[in-house]
Each structure stands twice: as C-alpha cells, then as structure tokens.
C-alpha cells in the first residue's frame, strides 16, 4: 500500500506539472462518444478529488495501527481509488490514442 501511495503521489505530481504547462487539451471525438467521454471524465474528476483526503485518512489510520477505523474507511477508499485509476487510463486513451 505504501508503494501504491508513493507511485500515485509521483503520478499526481507529474500529471499536475504536465497540465499546468501543456494548457487545455480538447477531446476530438464526435457523435455519441462525446457524452460517454464527458460522463466518464466528470465521474473520474469528482472522485479523484474526493479520494485524495480519503487515501490520506486511510493511510494515517493504518500507520497509527488504528485498524478498526482504517478498515471502516478503506472499504470505501479502495474501490473509489481503483475506479479513479482505471478511468484515468481510459480518459488518457480517449484523448491521446483513440480520438486524436
């Protein structure tokens, strides 16, 4: 979990650095795929914001050996973190690979 947290932190830093310097990149898809993409992007963005404090709380509870409270939030944090990870890859493929 510490390795997952570290790699996610490095990724987030690189992602933010890139997007502060690259500017706005627009989705080029047309037709029925646009609402699909924007729905996916919206859910990804909202949950990516929500999961950051959840991960910090979950990790801090585990590091303090407060496992009862850790499990209580981890059962929510893990699936949200997983969803954000998978949809992040999908968003990347939508924008940079499939609909250029």
Protein backbone atom coordinates (compact mmCIF):
# COMPACT_ATOMS: atom_id res chain seq x y z
CA UNK A 1 0.00 0.00 0.00
CA UNK A 2 2.89 2.36 0.70
CA UNK A 3 4.30 1.66 -2.77
CA UNK A 4 0.85 2.29 -4.31
CA UNK A 5 0.58 5.54 -2.37
CA UNK A 6 4.09 6.62 -3.42
CA UNK A 7 3.55 5.82 -7.10
CA UNK A 8 0.15 7.58 -7.07
CA UNK A 9 1.73 10.64 -5.46
CA UNK A 10 4.51 10.76 -8.08
CA UNK A 11 1.96 10.30 -10.86
CA UNK A 12 -0.26 13.09 -9.49
CA UNK A 13 2.71 15.46 -9.27
CA UNK A 14 3.77 14.66 -12.85
CA UNK A 15 0.18 14.96 -14.09
CA UNK A 16 -0.31 18.37 -12.48
CA UNK A 17 3.08 19.62 -13.73
CA UNK A 18 2.28 18.49 -17.30
CA UNK A 19 -1.18 20.07 -17.37
CA UNK A 20 0.00 23.36 -15.91
CA UNK A 21 2.48 23.60 -18.80
CA UNK A 22 0.57 21.92 -21.66
CA UNK A 23 -2.57 24.01 -21.40
CA UNK A 24 -6.02 22.83 -22.43
CA UNK A 25 -6.23 19.65 -24.50
CA UNK A 26 -9.62 19.21 -26.12
CA UNK A 27 -11.41 15.93 -26.77
CA UNK A 28 -11.70 15.44 -30.55
CA UNK A 29 -14.39 12.73 -30.67
CA UNK A 30 -17.77 13.44 -32.28
CA UNK A 31 -21.24 11.96 -32.07
CA UNK A 32 -22.42 9.53 -29.42
CA UNK A 33 -18.94 9.14 -27.88
CA UNK A 34 -18.80 12.76 -26.63
CA UNK A 35 -21.43 12.36 -23.87
CA UNK A 36 -19.89 9.00 -22.95
CA UNK A 37 -16.45 10.59 -22.63
CA UNK A 38 -17.64 13.62 -20.68
CA UNK A 39 -19.68 11.47 -18.28
CA UNK A 40 -16.60 9.32 -17.68
CA UNK A 41 -14.42 12.41 -17.28
CA UNK A 42 -16.84 14.05 -14.85
CA UNK A 43 -17.11 10.99 -12.62
CA UNK A 44 -13.34 10.50 -12.77
CA UNK A 45 -12.60 14.13 -11.86
CA UNK A 46 -15.06 14.33 -8.97
CA UNK A 47 -13.95 11.03 -7.47
CA UNK A 48 -10.25 11.87 -7.98
CA UNK A 49 -10.78 14.97 -5.84
CA UNK A 50 -12.76 13.04 -3.23
CA UNK A 51 -10.31 10.15 -2.97
CA UNK A 52 -7.23 12.23 -2.05
CA UNK A 53 -8.31 13.06 1.52
CA UNK A 54 -9.79 9.57 1.85
CA UNK A 55 -6.43 7.99 0.98
CA UNK A 56 -4.63 10.26 3.45
CA UNK A 57 -7.03 9.37 6.27
CA UNK A 58 -6.95 5.66 5.42
CA UNK A 59 -3.16 5.61 5.31
CA UNK A 60 -2.75 7.62 8.52
CA UNK A 61 -5.10 5.29 10.40
CA UNK A 62 -3.15 2.24 9.23
CA UNK A 63 0.20 3.80 10.12
CA UNK A 64 -1.10 4.56 13.63
CA UNK A 65 -2.29 0.93 13.94
CA UNK A 66 -5.88 2.05 14.29
CA UNK A 67 -7.03 -0.87 12.14
CA UNK A 68 -10.69 -0.86 13.13
CA UNK A 69 -11.15 2.71 11.90
CA UNK A 70 -8.78 2.03 8.98
CA UNK A 71 -10.98 -0.81 7.73
CA UNK A 72 -14.10 1.31 8.10
CA UNK A 73 -12.86 3.89 5.59
CA UNK A 74 -10.69 1.54 3.49
CA UNK A 75 -13.78 -0.35 2.32
CA UNK A 76 -14.82 2.88 0.58
CA UNK A 77 -11.39 4.24 -0.33
CA UNK A 78 -10.14 1.17 -2.19
CA UNK A 79 -12.97 0.82 -4.77
CA UNK A 80 -13.01 4.58 -5.41
CA UNK A 81 -9.22 4.63 -5.83
CA UNK A 82 -9.47 1.66 -8.20
CA UNK A 83 -12.23 3.35 -10.22
CA UNK A 84 -10.22 6.57 -10.49
CA UNK A 85 -7.15 4.61 -11.61
CA UNK A 86 -9.00 2.68 -14.32
CA UNK A 87 -11.00 5.64 -15.60
CA UNK A 88 -7.83 7.75 -15.68
CA UNK A 89 -6.29 5.28 -18.12
CA UNK A 90 -9.50 5.29 -20.17
CA UNK A 91 -9.56 9.11 -20.29
CA UNK A 92 -5.94 9.08 -21.49
CA UNK A 93 -6.78 6.62 -24.29
CA UNK A 94 -9.88 8.61 -25.30
CA UNK A 95 -7.93 11.86 -25.61
CA UNK A 96 -4.47 10.78 -26.81
CA UNK A 97 -4.94 7.48 -28.63
CA UNK A 98 -8.44 6.71 -29.90
CA UNK A 99 -9.84 10.12 -30.87
CA UNK A 100 -6.90 12.24 -31.98
